Amino acid sequence: MVAQPLHLGWSNPVRVRWGVGCFQSLTANQPVVVLADRAALSQENEAFLIERLGAQCRGRIWFHGGLASVEQAQAMCNSIWPVMQDPHTTVLAIGGGSTLDLAKVLRYRMANSTEAAAAWRANTLPAGVHRHPLTLVPTTAGTGSEVTRWATLWDTAVLQPGKLSWAPPDGYAEDAYVDAALTLSCPLRQTRDSGLDTLAHALEALWNRNATPVSDALALEAARTVLETLPALLKQQDNLDARTAMARASLLAGLAMSQTQTALAHALSYDLTLQENMPHGEACAVWLPMVWTLALRASNPCDAALSRIFGGNAGAGVDHLRVWLYRLGVHARDLHDTPQGRARLELEMRSARGRNFIGSH
């Protein structure tokens, strides 16, 4: 049984603006560079942004989707750092998790993009870095990136492609605007996968060695909301009440994850994203039933929270989760069936994310 820590702390410095329409309260009292997902920003919101920023906007970069790669980040740095010489220039990012993660690395202005790539790969900050203010505006309900300090970059142009985690101690944004109306631009598949990502963040925060009563409460509420809301939202995508509920769940799960980090399901997800091009949310979700079985009886608070979310005994809860995922088109996987699978599971248990899992050795 994993004991919870005796000394519980909580710290999250992000100033969060919340609610439908809060994006319209965005102000620009100092220079701004914009990184935005072209598909996520409606013509109306783009016009508002241009008018609101006015002469303070020193540059714009459009992100056109896909993985946030080292090469993309380098190209963006080369384009935007030359106009960020004013130390007060704010980086404003509008989009999904990849867009926000790119902004998190872009806000650290270094000597050049070659030095930057070396720093990202080593997860270090070289001398002479200037840290610019950062404002994050999510347009999906799932990432939680707006309230966490780390960013994911994919290193795809090397012999052994992999996932990098950029995690400076002061990596949090200064401000976040969580406006559910912005998620109306999210297509069906992305809405589903974003919601699955929220559920994964919530459950991974629960079966986590770093869990606290505060993170448990946030994660429990987030998971319950996703289970109740996501299937209905996928049948009525313009339901703003449902999108608001999902945005709230994403924020709560992100806040929980900001304290615990993720765990085993995320560790297992990265190969699926690289090898099968599976979206991140689904790549995490396929492992959730299996990981839950490994978490059983490792922590009384975790078992109790999962019972409150799914009801019934543990075995029935796992089946409930598996069926719920199947109805959303997600087919759960299990690594126990083959020697190769079991070996991979043992390997990922020893990874950085795997060691956060309460069921790891």
Foldseek 3Di string as FASTA:
>chain_A
DFDADPDDDADFQAAEAEEAPVVLVDADPAAEEEEEAPLLADPVNVVSVCVRCPPSYQYYDYDDDDAAALVNLQVVLVVPVVSCPPLAYEYEYEEAQRRLLSSLLSQWRDPHSVVSSVCQQVLHDDPPTRGYAYEYEYLALANLSQGAQKHWHWHDPDPDTFITINHDPPRHHHYYYQHLVSNLSPDLVRNLLRLLNLLQLLLQLLQFSQHDPQLVVLSLQLNLLSLVQSVVCSVPVPPSVSSSSSNSSSNSSSSSCNRGPGALLQLQLTCCCVPVVDDSSLSSLLAVLVLLVLSPPLDPRSLVSLCVRQNDHSVVSSVSSQVSCVVVVRHHDHLPPDPVSVVVSLVSCPDPRNVRGSSRD
